[in-house]
Amino acid sequence: MEIKYVGPRPEISAHGVTFKTGKEDKYVYLQVAIQILKAIDKNSQESNTYSYNFSDKILSDSEMLSTMLKYEPSLENSILCEKKAYEKHLDDEIAHIEQREHMNTMDKEIFINNFKIMKEYRLQRAVNKMYYMHCINEIIDVVKRGKIKEIDTPFQEKYWHILQTIEGAIMSLKSSIKTDLKVERDIDNKLIAKLFIGGYAD
């Protein structure tokens, strides 16, 4: 299952297809999330605080996948199962449209055709999100293993989104681990995002 960028979330109707700004493809966050994963794993041997390093090189799609496979060898099988479930969801959406009695035949045909045209696009967006969430879980595994207490990043949208996702995923575990996401200023008076993590069991 490949990783590749497709674009923002499509809004599909009998009148056509538009794209929702602000609902970006999770691919754009995956690149940074994988860099964080690699860095905190390396850094956890030396310190329980991690600060994002801008010098990390951009990874290709194949490099992103190979990196994640090192942490989760069964990843592709998991993604394949999740993809099949999502594909069924897309088919169910079409079946639901077919059963709409209030729509005239022409609108129904156009609506269904638009769904079919966008199927691969939506499927790839879903696959990218699946990889992103697996990466977040891999980050949490490293965080717990290394008992990392702090992750610092620039205060920018991508990093903030990733830290929020990590925080939400940790909270969903319903474990003793607690998090606190804050915005502070560094010694150069630049805004930085800080995710504090604590409450590890001894």
N, C-alpha and C. Protein backbone atom coordinates (compact mmCIF):
# COMPACT_ATOMS: atom_id res chain seq x y z
N MET A 1 0.85 -1.19 0.00
CA MET A 1 0.00 0.00 0.00
C MET A 1 0.89 1.25 0.00
N GLU A 2 0.82 2.02 -1.05
CA GLU A 2 1.70 3.17 -1.17
C GLU A 2 1.17 4.39 -0.41
N ILE A 3 2.11 5.29 -0.11
CA ILE A 3 1.79 6.58 0.48
C ILE A 3 1.99 7.62 -0.61
N LYS A 4 0.99 8.43 -0.86
CA LYS A 4 1.16 9.52 -1.84
C LYS A 4 0.12 10.61 -1.58
N TYR A 5 0.51 11.83 -1.89
CA TYR A 5 -0.38 12.97 -1.67
C TYR A 5 -1.49 12.99 -2.71
N VAL A 6 -2.72 13.29 -2.26
CA VAL A 6 -3.81 13.49 -3.22
C VAL A 6 -4.40 14.90 -3.12
N GLY A 7 -4.79 15.35 -1.92
CA GLY A 7 -5.33 16.70 -1.82
C GLY A 7 -6.37 16.84 -0.72
N PRO A 8 -7.04 18.00 -0.66
CA PRO A 8 -8.04 18.26 0.39
C PRO A 8 -9.29 17.41 0.24
N ARG A 9 -10.13 17.44 1.27
CA ARG A 9 -11.33 16.61 1.29
C ARG A 9 -12.33 17.06 0.23
N PRO A 10 -12.83 16.11 -0.57
CA PRO A 10 -13.83 16.47 -1.59
C PRO A 10 -15.23 16.51 -0.99
N GLU A 11 -16.04 17.43 -1.50
CA GLU A 11 -17.45 17.50 -1.14
C GLU A 11 -18.22 17.10 -2.40
N ILE A 12 -18.91 15.96 -2.33
CA ILE A 12 -19.54 15.37 -3.52
C ILE A 12 -21.05 15.53 -3.46
N SER A 13 -21.64 15.94 -4.58
CA SER A 13 -23.09 16.08 -4.66
C SER A 13 -23.54 15.78 -6.08
N ALA A 14 -24.84 15.89 -6.31
CA ALA A 14 -25.38 15.69 -7.66
C ALA A 14 -25.04 16.87 -8.57
N HIS A 15 -24.50 17.93 -7.99
CA HIS A 15 -24.16 19.12 -8.77
C HIS A 15 -22.68 19.18 -9.13
N GLY A 16 -21.89 18.26 -8.60
CA GLY A 16 -20.47 18.24 -8.92
C GLY A 16 -19.61 17.93 -7.71
N VAL A 17 -18.32 18.24 -7.84
CA VAL A 17 -17.36 17.98 -6.77
C VAL A 17 -16.61 19.27 -6.45
N THR A 18 -16.57 19.63 -5.18
CA THR A 18 -15.76 20.76 -4.72
C THR A 18 -14.80 20.24 -3.66
N PHE A 19 -13.83 21.07 -3.30
CA PHE A 19 -12.83 20.65 -2.32
C PHE A 19 -12.84 21.60 -1.13
N LYS A 20 -12.87 21.00 0.06
CA LYS A 20 -13.02 21.78 1.30
C LYS A 20 -11.67 22.28 1.78
N THR A 21 -11.47 23.58 1.71
CA THR A 21 -10.23 24.16 2.21
C THR A 21 -10.19 24.01 3.73
N GLY A 22 -9.00 23.75 4.24
CA GLY A 22 -8.87 23.56 5.68
C GLY A 22 -8.98 22.11 6.10
N LYS A 23 -9.38 21.23 5.16
CA LYS A 23 -9.43 19.79 5.45
C LYS A 23 -8.37 19.10 4.60
N GLU A 24 -7.12 19.33 4.99
CA GLU A 24 -5.98 18.88 4.20
C GLU A 24 -5.77 17.37 4.31
N ASP A 25 -5.14 16.83 3.30
CA ASP A 25 -4.73 15.43 3.26
C ASP A 25 -3.76 15.17 4.42
N LYS A 26 -3.96 14.10 5.18
CA LYS A 26 -3.09 13.79 6.31
C LYS A 26 -1.65 13.52 5.86
N TYR A 27 -1.46 13.33 4.58
CA TYR A 27 -0.10 13.15 4.04
C TYR A 27 0.80 14.30 4.46
N VAL A 28 0.28 15.52 4.48
CA VAL A 28 1.12 16.69 4.77
C VAL A 28 1.62 16.67 6.22
N TYR A 29 0.90 15.97 7.10
CA TYR A 29 1.33 15.85 8.49
C TYR A 29 2.21 14.62 8.70
N LEU A 30 2.04 13.62 7.86
CA LEU A 30 2.76 12.36 8.02
C LEU A 30 4.27 12.56 7.90
N GLN A 31 4.69 13.39 6.93
CA GLN A 31 6.12 13.65 6.74
C GLN A 31 6.77 14.13 8.04
N VAL A 32 6.16 15.10 8.69
CA VAL A 32 6.70 15.66 9.94
C VAL A 32 6.57 14.65 11.08
N ALA A 33 5.45 13.93 11.13
CA ALA A 33 5.24 12.94 12.19
C ALA A 33 6.31 11.85 12.15
N ILE A 34 6.69 11.42 10.95
CA ILE A 34 7.73 10.39 10.82
C ILE A 34 9.08 10.94 11.26
N GLN A 35 9.36 12.21 10.93
CA GLN A 35 10.60 12.83 11.39
C GLN A 35 10.65 12.87 12.92
N ILE A 36 9.52 13.20 13.54
CA ILE A 36 9.45 13.21 15.00
C ILE A 36 9.66 11.80 15.55
N LEU A 37 9.03 10.81 14.93
CA LEU A 37 9.18 9.42 15.35
C LEU A 37 10.65 9.01 15.36
N LYS A 38 11.34 9.27 14.25
CA LYS A 38 12.75 8.89 14.15
C LYS A 38 13.59 9.61 15.20
N ALA A 39 13.33 10.89 15.35
CA ALA A 39 14.15 11.70 16.24
C ALA A 39 13.95 11.36 17.71
N ILE A 40 12.70 11.16 18.14
CA ILE A 40 12.49 10.86 19.56
C ILE A 40 12.99 9.47 19.90
N ASP A 41 12.97 8.55 18.94
CA ASP A 41 13.50 7.21 19.19
C ASP A 41 15.00 7.29 19.42
N LYS A 42 15.69 8.04 18.57
CA LYS A 42 17.13 8.23 18.72
C LYS A 42 17.45 9.01 19.98
N ASN A 43 16.65 10.04 20.24
CA ASN A 43 16.90 10.95 21.35
C ASN A 43 16.58 10.32 22.71
N SER A 44 15.65 9.35 22.73
CA SER A 44 15.22 8.75 24.00
C SER A 44 16.35 8.00 24.69
N GLN A 45 17.40 7.67 23.93
CA GLN A 45 18.55 7.01 24.53
C GLN A 45 19.42 8.00 25.31
N GLU A 46 19.23 9.29 25.02
CA GLU A 46 20.09 10.31 25.60
C GLU A 46 19.36 11.25 26.56
N SER A 47 18.08 11.51 26.26
CA SER A 47 17.33 12.50 27.05
C SER A 47 15.84 12.19 26.98
N ASN A 48 15.09 12.66 27.98
CA ASN A 48 13.63 12.46 27.95
C ASN A 48 12.91 13.72 27.48
N THR A 49 13.67 14.64 26.86
CA THR A 49 13.09 15.83 26.25
C THR A 49 13.51 15.89 24.79
N TYR A 50 12.57 16.16 23.91
CA TYR A 50 12.89 16.21 22.48
C TYR A 50 12.51 17.56 21.89
N SER A 51 13.43 18.17 21.15
CA SER A 51 13.16 19.41 20.41
C SER A 51 13.35 19.14 18.93
N TYR A 52 12.38 19.55 18.12
CA TYR A 52 12.41 19.26 16.69
C TYR A 52 13.60 19.93 16.02
N ASN A 53 14.30 19.17 15.16
CA ASN A 53 15.49 19.64 14.46
C ASN A 53 15.16 19.96 13.01
N PHE A 54 15.31 21.22 12.63
CA PHE A 54 14.98 21.63 11.27
C PHE A 54 15.90 21.02 10.22
N SER A 55 17.04 20.48 10.64
CA SER A 55 18.00 19.97 9.66
C SER A 55 17.61 18.62 9.09
N ASP A 56 16.59 17.98 9.66
CA ASP A 56 16.16 16.67 9.15
C ASP A 56 15.74 16.80 7.69
N LYS A 57 16.22 15.87 6.86
CA LYS A 57 15.93 15.95 5.43
C LYS A 57 14.51 15.47 5.13
N ILE A 58 13.98 15.95 4.00
CA ILE A 58 12.66 15.53 3.56
C ILE A 58 12.73 14.09 3.07
N LEU A 59 11.80 13.26 3.51
CA LEU A 59 11.78 11.86 3.11
C LEU A 59 10.90 11.66 1.89
N SER A 60 11.31 10.73 1.04
CA SER A 60 10.48 10.36 -0.10
C SER A 60 9.34 9.48 0.40
N ASP A 61 8.35 9.24 -0.45
CA ASP A 61 7.21 8.39 -0.05
C ASP A 61 7.69 7.00 0.35
N SER A 62 8.63 6.44 -0.42
CA SER A 62 9.13 5.09 -0.11
C SER A 62 9.94 5.08 1.18
N GLU A 63 10.68 6.16 1.45
CA GLU A 63 11.45 6.26 2.69
C GLU A 63 10.52 6.36 3.90
N MET A 64 9.41 7.07 3.74
CA MET A 64 8.45 7.16 4.84
C MET A 64 7.90 5.78 5.18
N LEU A 65 7.54 5.02 4.14
CA LEU A 65 6.99 3.69 4.37
C LEU A 65 8.02 2.77 5.00
N SER A 66 9.25 2.77 4.48
CA SER A 66 10.29 1.88 5.02
C SER A 66 10.61 2.23 6.47
N THR A 67 10.56 3.51 6.82
CA THR A 67 10.80 3.93 8.20
C THR A 67 9.72 3.37 9.13
N MET A 68 8.47 3.50 8.73
CA MET A 68 7.37 3.00 9.55
C MET A 68 7.40 1.49 9.69
N LEU A 69 7.82 0.80 8.64
CA LEU A 69 7.88 -0.67 8.68
C LEU A 69 8.90 -1.17 9.71
N LYS A 70 9.92 -0.37 9.98
CA LYS A 70 10.91 -0.75 10.99
C LYS A 70 10.28 -0.80 12.38
N TYR A 71 9.28 0.04 12.59
CA TYR A 71 8.61 0.09 13.89
C TYR A 71 7.40 -0.83 13.95
N GLU A 72 6.84 -1.12 12.79
CA GLU A 72 5.62 -1.94 12.73
C GLU A 72 5.69 -2.84 11.49
N PRO A 73 6.38 -3.98 11.58
CA PRO A 73 6.58 -4.85 10.41
C PRO A 73 5.28 -5.32 9.75
N SER A 74 4.20 -5.43 10.52
CA SER A 74 2.93 -5.90 9.96
C SER A 74 2.06 -4.75 9.45
N LEU A 75 2.66 -3.56 9.33
CA LEU A 75 1.91 -2.35 8.98
C LEU A 75 1.10 -2.50 7.69
N GLU A 76 1.73 -3.01 6.64
CA GLU A 76 1.04 -3.08 5.35
C GLU A 76 -0.18 -4.00 5.41
N ASN A 77 -0.08 -5.09 6.16
CA ASN A 77 -1.24 -5.97 6.32
C ASN A 77 -2.36 -5.27 7.07
N SER A 78 -1.99 -4.50 8.09
CA SER A 78 -2.99 -3.75 8.86
C SER A 78 -3.68 -2.72 7.98
N ILE A 79 -2.89 -2.00 7.19
CA ILE A 79 -3.45 -0.98 6.29
C ILE A 79 -4.37 -1.62 5.26
N LEU A 80 -3.98 -2.78 4.75
CA LEU A 80 -4.80 -3.48 3.75
C LEU A 80 -6.17 -3.83 4.32
N CYS A 81 -6.20 -4.32 5.56
CA CYS A 81 -7.48 -4.66 6.21
C CYS A 81 -8.33 -3.41 6.43
N GLU A 82 -7.68 -2.33 6.87
CA GLU A 82 -8.41 -1.08 7.10
C GLU A 82 -8.92 -0.49 5.79
N LYS A 83 -8.12 -0.64 4.74
CA LYS A 83 -8.52 -0.13 3.43
C LYS A 83 -9.76 -0.87 2.92
N LYS A 84 -9.77 -2.19 3.10
CA LYS A 84 -10.93 -2.99 2.65
C LYS A 84 -12.19 -2.56 3.38
N ALA A 85 -12.06 -2.29 4.68
CA ALA A 85 -13.22 -1.84 5.47
C ALA A 85 -13.71 -0.49 4.97
N TYR A 86 -12.77 0.40 4.64
CA TYR A 86 -13.17 1.73 4.15
C TYR A 86 -13.79 1.64 2.76
N GLU A 87 -13.26 0.73 1.95
CA GLU A 87 -13.81 0.54 0.60
C GLU A 87 -15.26 0.07 0.68
N LYS A 88 -15.54 -0.80 1.65
CA LYS A 88 -16.92 -1.24 1.86
C LYS A 88 -17.80 -0.06 2.28
N HIS A 89 -17.24 0.81 3.10
CA HIS A 89 -17.98 2.02 3.52
C HIS A 89 -18.34 2.87 2.30
N LEU A 90 -17.41 3.02 1.36
CA LEU A 90 -17.68 3.79 0.15
C LEU A 90 -18.76 3.13 -0.70
N ASP A 91 -18.70 1.81 -0.79
CA ASP A 91 -19.73 1.07 -1.55
C ASP A 91 -21.10 1.22 -0.89
N ASP A 92 -21.11 1.21 0.44
CA ASP A 92 -22.37 1.38 1.18
C ASP A 92 -22.96 2.77 0.95
N GLU A 93 -22.09 3.77 0.79
CA GLU A 93 -22.57 5.12 0.50
C GLU A 93 -23.32 5.17 -0.84
N ILE A 94 -22.75 4.49 -1.83
CA ILE A 94 -23.39 4.44 -3.15
C ILE A 94 -24.72 3.71 -3.06
N ALA A 95 -24.74 2.60 -2.33
CA ALA A 95 -25.98 1.84 -2.16
C ALA A 95 -27.06 2.68 -1.48
N HIS A 96 -26.63 3.52 -0.53
CA HIS A 96 -27.57 4.40 0.17
C HIS A 96 -28.17 5.43 -0.79
N ILE A 97 -27.35 5.96 -1.68
CA ILE A 97 -27.85 6.93 -2.67
C ILE A 97 -28.85 6.26 -3.61
N GLU A 98 -28.54 5.04 -4.01
CA GLU A 98 -29.43 4.31 -4.92
C GLU A 98 -30.81 4.11 -4.32
N GLN A 99 -30.88 4.07 -2.99
CA GLN A 99 -32.16 3.82 -2.31
C GLN A 99 -32.94 5.10 -1.99
N ARG A 100 -32.37 6.25 -2.32
CA ARG A 100 -33.05 7.51 -2.03
C ARG A 100 -34.26 7.69 -2.96
N GLU A 101 -35.42 7.68 -2.39
CA GLU A 101 -36.64 7.77 -3.19
C GLU A 101 -36.96 9.21 -3.61
N HIS A 102 -36.46 10.18 -2.86
CA HIS A 102 -36.81 11.57 -3.15
C HIS A 102 -36.00 12.16 -4.30
N MET A 103 -34.92 11.48 -4.73
CA MET A 103 -34.09 12.00 -5.82
C MET A 103 -34.60 11.53 -7.17
N ASN A 104 -34.57 12.42 -8.16
CA ASN A 104 -34.97 11.98 -9.50
C ASN A 104 -33.85 11.15 -10.12
N THR A 105 -34.17 10.39 -11.13
CA THR A 105 -33.24 9.43 -11.72
C THR A 105 -31.96 10.08 -12.22
N MET A 106 -32.09 11.22 -12.90
CA MET A 106 -30.91 11.88 -13.46
C MET A 106 -29.95 12.36 -12.36
N ASP A 107 -30.50 13.02 -11.32
CA ASP A 107 -29.66 13.49 -10.21
C ASP A 107 -28.97 12.33 -9.51
N LYS A 108 -29.71 11.25 -9.37
CA LYS A 108 -29.15 10.06 -8.71
C LYS A 108 -27.98 9.50 -9.51
N GLU A 109 -28.15 9.42 -10.82
CA GLU A 109 -27.08 8.89 -11.68
C GLU A 109 -25.84 9.78 -11.63
N ILE A 110 -26.05 11.10 -11.66
CA ILE A 110 -24.93 12.04 -11.60
C ILE A 110 -24.21 11.93 -10.25
N PHE A 111 -25.00 11.87 -9.17
CA PHE A 111 -24.46 11.76 -7.81
C PHE A 111 -23.60 10.50 -7.69
N ILE A 112 -24.15 9.38 -8.12
CA ILE A 112 -23.43 8.10 -8.04
C ILE A 112 -22.17 8.13 -8.90
N ASN A 113 -22.28 8.71 -10.09
CA ASN A 113 -21.13 8.79 -10.98
C ASN A 113 -20.02 9.64 -10.36
N ASN A 114 -20.40 10.74 -9.70
CA ASN A 114 -19.41 11.58 -9.02
C ASN A 114 -18.72 10.82 -7.89
N PHE A 115 -19.48 10.02 -7.16
CA PHE A 115 -18.90 9.18 -6.11
C PHE A 115 -17.90 8.20 -6.70
N LYS A 116 -18.26 7.59 -7.82
CA LYS A 116 -17.37 6.61 -8.45
C LYS A 116 -16.10 7.26 -8.97
N ILE A 117 -16.25 8.45 -9.56
CA ILE A 117 -15.09 9.18 -10.07
C ILE A 117 -14.09 9.49 -8.95
N MET A 118 -14.61 9.83 -7.78
CA MET A 118 -13.77 10.25 -6.65
C MET A 118 -13.37 9.10 -5.73
N LYS A 119 -13.77 7.88 -6.07
CA LYS A 119 -13.51 6.75 -5.17
C LYS A 119 -12.03 6.56 -4.88
N GLU A 120 -11.19 6.49 -5.92
CA GLU A 120 -9.76 6.25 -5.70
C GLU A 120 -9.11 7.40 -4.95
N TYR A 121 -9.56 8.60 -5.24
CA TYR A 121 -9.06 9.80 -4.54
C TYR A 121 -9.36 9.69 -3.05
N ARG A 122 -10.61 9.39 -2.72
CA ARG A 122 -11.02 9.28 -1.32
C ARG A 122 -10.34 8.11 -0.63
N LEU A 123 -10.15 7.03 -1.38
CA LEU A 123 -9.49 5.84 -0.84
C LEU A 123 -8.05 6.15 -0.46
N GLN A 124 -7.34 6.88 -1.34
CA GLN A 124 -5.95 7.22 -1.04
C GLN A 124 -5.86 8.19 0.13
N ARG A 125 -6.80 9.14 0.23
CA ARG A 125 -6.82 10.04 1.39
C ARG A 125 -7.00 9.24 2.68
N ALA A 126 -7.88 8.25 2.62
CA ALA A 126 -8.13 7.41 3.80
C ALA A 126 -6.89 6.60 4.16
N VAL A 127 -6.21 6.07 3.14
CA VAL A 127 -4.99 5.30 3.37
C VAL A 127 -3.92 6.20 4.01
N ASN A 128 -3.79 7.42 3.52
CA ASN A 128 -2.82 8.36 4.11
C ASN A 128 -3.14 8.62 5.58
N LYS A 129 -4.43 8.75 5.90
CA LYS A 129 -4.83 8.97 7.29
C LYS A 129 -4.53 7.74 8.13
N MET A 130 -4.73 6.56 7.56
CA MET A 130 -4.41 5.32 8.28
C MET A 130 -2.93 5.27 8.63
N TYR A 131 -2.08 5.58 7.65
CA TYR A 131 -0.63 5.60 7.91
C TYR A 131 -0.30 6.65 8.97
N TYR A 132 -0.94 7.80 8.90
CA TYR A 132 -0.69 8.87 9.87
C TYR A 132 -1.03 8.41 11.29
N MET A 133 -2.19 7.77 11.45
CA MET A 133 -2.59 7.32 12.79
C MET A 133 -1.70 6.20 13.29
N HIS A 134 -1.24 5.34 12.39
CA HIS A 134 -0.29 4.30 12.81
C HIS A 134 1.02 4.94 13.26
N CYS A 135 1.45 5.98 12.55
CA CYS A 135 2.67 6.69 12.94
C CYS A 135 2.51 7.33 14.32
N ILE A 136 1.36 7.92 14.57
CA ILE A 136 1.09 8.52 15.89
C ILE A 136 1.19 7.45 16.98
N ASN A 137 0.62 6.28 16.72
CA ASN A 137 0.69 5.19 17.71
C ASN A 137 2.12 4.70 17.90
N GLU A 138 2.91 4.71 16.81
CA GLU A 138 4.32 4.33 16.92
C GLU A 138 5.08 5.36 17.76
N ILE A 139 4.76 6.64 17.58
CA ILE A 139 5.36 7.70 18.40
C ILE A 139 5.03 7.46 19.88
N ILE A 140 3.78 7.14 20.16
CA ILE A 140 3.36 6.92 21.55
C ILE A 140 4.08 5.71 22.15
N ASP A 141 4.30 4.67 21.36
CA ASP A 141 5.06 3.51 21.84
C ASP A 141 6.47 3.91 22.26
N VAL A 142 7.12 4.75 21.44
CA VAL A 142 8.47 5.22 21.76
C VAL A 142 8.43 6.13 22.99
N VAL A 143 7.43 6.99 23.06
CA VAL A 143 7.27 7.90 24.21
C VAL A 143 7.15 7.10 25.51
N LYS A 144 6.32 6.07 25.50
CA LYS A 144 6.12 5.25 26.70
C LYS A 144 7.37 4.45 27.04
N ARG A 145 7.99 3.89 26.01
CA ARG A 145 9.19 3.08 26.24
C ARG A 145 10.32 3.92 26.82
N GLY A 146 10.50 5.13 26.29
CA GLY A 146 11.57 6.00 26.75
C GLY A 146 11.16 6.93 27.88
N LYS A 147 9.89 6.84 28.30
CA LYS A 147 9.34 7.73 29.33
C LYS A 147 9.69 9.19 29.04
N ILE A 148 9.45 9.56 27.79
CA ILE A 148 9.73 10.92 27.34
C ILE A 148 8.78 11.89 28.04
N LYS A 149 9.34 12.95 28.57
CA LYS A 149 8.55 13.90 29.36
C LYS A 149 8.16 15.17 28.61
N GLU A 150 8.83 15.43 27.49
CA GLU A 150 8.55 16.69 26.79
C GLU A 150 8.91 16.58 25.31
N ILE A 151 8.01 17.07 24.46
CA ILE A 151 8.28 17.20 23.03
C ILE A 151 8.05 18.65 22.65
N ASP A 152 9.10 19.30 22.13
CA ASP A 152 9.01 20.71 21.74
C ASP A 152 9.08 20.83 20.22
N THR A 153 8.24 21.67 19.65
CA THR A 153 8.26 21.93 18.21
C THR A 153 8.01 23.41 17.96
N PRO A 154 8.28 23.89 16.74
CA PRO A 154 7.88 25.26 16.42
C PRO A 154 6.37 25.40 16.55
N PHE A 155 5.91 26.59 16.89
CA PHE A 155 4.46 26.83 16.98
C PHE A 155 3.94 27.15 15.59
N GLN A 156 3.72 26.08 14.82
CA GLN A 156 3.19 26.18 13.46
C GLN A 156 2.09 25.14 13.29
N GLU A 157 1.23 25.35 12.31
CA GLU A 157 0.01 24.55 12.18
C GLU A 157 0.28 23.04 12.12
N LYS A 158 1.24 22.62 11.30
CA LYS A 158 1.49 21.18 11.15
C LYS A 158 1.92 20.55 12.46
N TYR A 159 2.86 21.20 13.14
CA TYR A 159 3.38 20.65 14.39
C TYR A 159 2.30 20.64 15.47
N TRP A 160 1.54 21.73 15.53
CA TRP A 160 0.46 21.82 16.53
C TRP A 160 -0.56 20.72 16.30
N HIS A 161 -0.91 20.49 15.04
CA HIS A 161 -1.87 19.43 14.69
C HIS A 161 -1.35 18.07 15.16
N ILE A 162 -0.08 17.80 14.91
CA ILE A 162 0.50 16.50 15.29
C ILE A 162 0.53 16.35 16.81
N LEU A 163 0.95 17.38 17.52
CA LEU A 163 0.97 17.30 18.98
C LEU A 163 -0.43 17.12 19.56
N GLN A 164 -1.41 17.77 18.96
CA GLN A 164 -2.80 17.58 19.40
C GLN A 164 -3.24 16.13 19.16
N THR A 165 -2.84 15.57 18.03
CA THR A 165 -3.21 14.18 17.72
C THR A 165 -2.56 13.23 18.71
N ILE A 166 -1.28 13.47 19.01
CA ILE A 166 -0.57 12.63 20.00
C ILE A 166 -1.27 12.73 21.35
N GLU A 167 -1.59 13.95 21.76
CA GLU A 167 -2.26 14.16 23.05
C GLU A 167 -3.60 13.43 23.08
N GLY A 168 -4.38 13.56 22.02
CA GLY A 168 -5.69 12.90 21.97
C GLY A 168 -5.58 11.39 22.01
N ALA A 169 -4.57 10.85 21.30
CA ALA A 169 -4.38 9.40 21.27
C ALA A 169 -3.94 8.88 22.63
N ILE A 170 -3.08 9.63 23.33
CA ILE A 170 -2.66 9.22 24.67
C ILE A 170 -3.85 9.24 25.63
N MET A 171 -4.67 10.28 25.54
CA MET A 171 -5.84 10.38 26.41
C MET A 171 -6.81 9.23 26.17
N SER A 172 -6.92 8.78 24.92
CA SER A 172 -7.85 7.70 24.60
C SER A 172 -7.41 6.36 25.17
N LEU A 173 -6.13 6.26 25.57
CA LEU A 173 -5.62 5.02 26.16
C LEU A 173 -6.19 4.78 27.55
N LYS A 174 -6.65 5.86 28.19
CA LYS A 174 -7.20 5.78 29.55
C LYS A 174 -6.22 5.11 30.51
N SER A 175 -4.95 5.54 30.40
CA SER A 175 -3.90 5.01 31.26
C SER A 175 -3.54 6.07 32.31
N SER A 176 -2.47 5.81 33.05
CA SER A 176 -2.03 6.77 34.07
C SER A 176 -1.30 7.96 33.44
N ILE A 177 -0.94 7.85 32.16
CA ILE A 177 -0.17 8.90 31.50
C ILE A 177 -1.04 10.14 31.27
N LYS A 178 -0.49 11.28 31.63
CA LYS A 178 -1.19 12.56 31.47
C LYS A 178 -0.39 13.47 30.54
N THR A 179 -1.10 14.35 29.84
CA THR A 179 -0.43 15.28 28.93
C THR A 179 -0.92 16.70 29.17
N ASP A 180 -0.08 17.64 28.75
CA ASP A 180 -0.44 19.06 28.84
C ASP A 180 0.22 19.78 27.67
N LEU A 181 -0.57 20.30 26.75
CA LEU A 181 -0.05 20.97 25.56
C LEU A 181 -0.10 22.48 25.78
N LYS A 182 1.07 23.12 25.65
CA LYS A 182 1.16 24.56 25.91
C LYS A 182 1.94 25.27 24.81
N VAL A 183 1.77 26.59 24.77
CA VAL A 183 2.56 27.45 23.90
C VAL A 183 3.40 28.36 24.79
N GLU A 184 4.71 28.35 24.58
CA GLU A 184 5.62 29.18 25.37
C GLU A 184 6.60 29.89 24.44
N ARG A 185 7.45 30.72 25.01
CA ARG A 185 8.49 31.38 24.23
C ARG A 185 9.85 30.83 24.63
N ASP A 186 10.73 30.65 23.62
CA ASP A 186 12.06 30.14 23.91
C ASP A 186 12.99 31.30 24.28
N ILE A 187 14.27 31.01 24.42
CA ILE A 187 15.23 32.04 24.85
C ILE A 187 15.38 33.15 23.81
N ASP A 188 15.00 32.86 22.56
CA ASP A 188 15.04 33.87 21.50
C ASP A 188 13.70 34.58 21.33
N ASN A 189 12.79 34.33 22.27
CA ASN A 189 11.45 34.93 22.28
C ASN A 189 10.56 34.44 21.13
N LYS A 190 10.89 33.27 20.57
CA LYS A 190 10.07 32.69 19.52
C LYS A 190 9.04 31.74 20.14
N LEU A 191 7.84 31.71 19.57
CA LEU A 191 6.79 30.83 20.08
C LEU A 191 7.12 29.38 19.76
N ILE A 192 6.98 28.53 20.76
CA ILE A 192 7.16 27.09 20.56
C ILE A 192 6.01 26.34 21.21
N ALA A 193 5.68 25.20 20.64
CA ALA A 193 4.65 24.33 21.21
C ALA A 193 5.35 23.28 22.07
N LYS A 194 4.79 23.03 23.25
CA LYS A 194 5.39 22.06 24.16
C LYS A 194 4.33 21.07 24.62
N LEU A 195 4.61 19.80 24.39
CA LEU A 195 3.74 18.74 24.91
C LEU A 195 4.44 18.10 26.10
N PHE A 196 3.89 18.34 27.29
CA PHE A 196 4.45 17.75 28.50
C PHE A 196 3.73 16.42 28.77
N ILE A 197 4.51 15.41 29.13
CA ILE A 197 3.97 14.07 29.34
C ILE A 197 4.46 13.55 30.69
N GLY A 198 3.54 13.04 31.49
CA GLY A 198 3.93 12.52 32.80
C GLY A 198 2.96 11.46 33.29
N GLY A 199 3.17 11.04 34.54
CA GLY A 199 2.28 10.04 35.12
C GLY A 199 2.63 8.62 34.76
N TYR A 200 3.90 8.40 34.35
CA TYR A 200 4.31 7.04 34.00
C TYR A 200 4.30 6.14 35.22
N ALA A 201 3.84 4.91 35.02
CA ALA A 201 3.90 3.92 36.10
C ALA A 201 5.35 3.48 36.27
N ASP A 202 5.77 3.29 37.51
CA ASP A 202 7.15 2.86 37.78
C ASP A 202 7.35 1.41 37.36
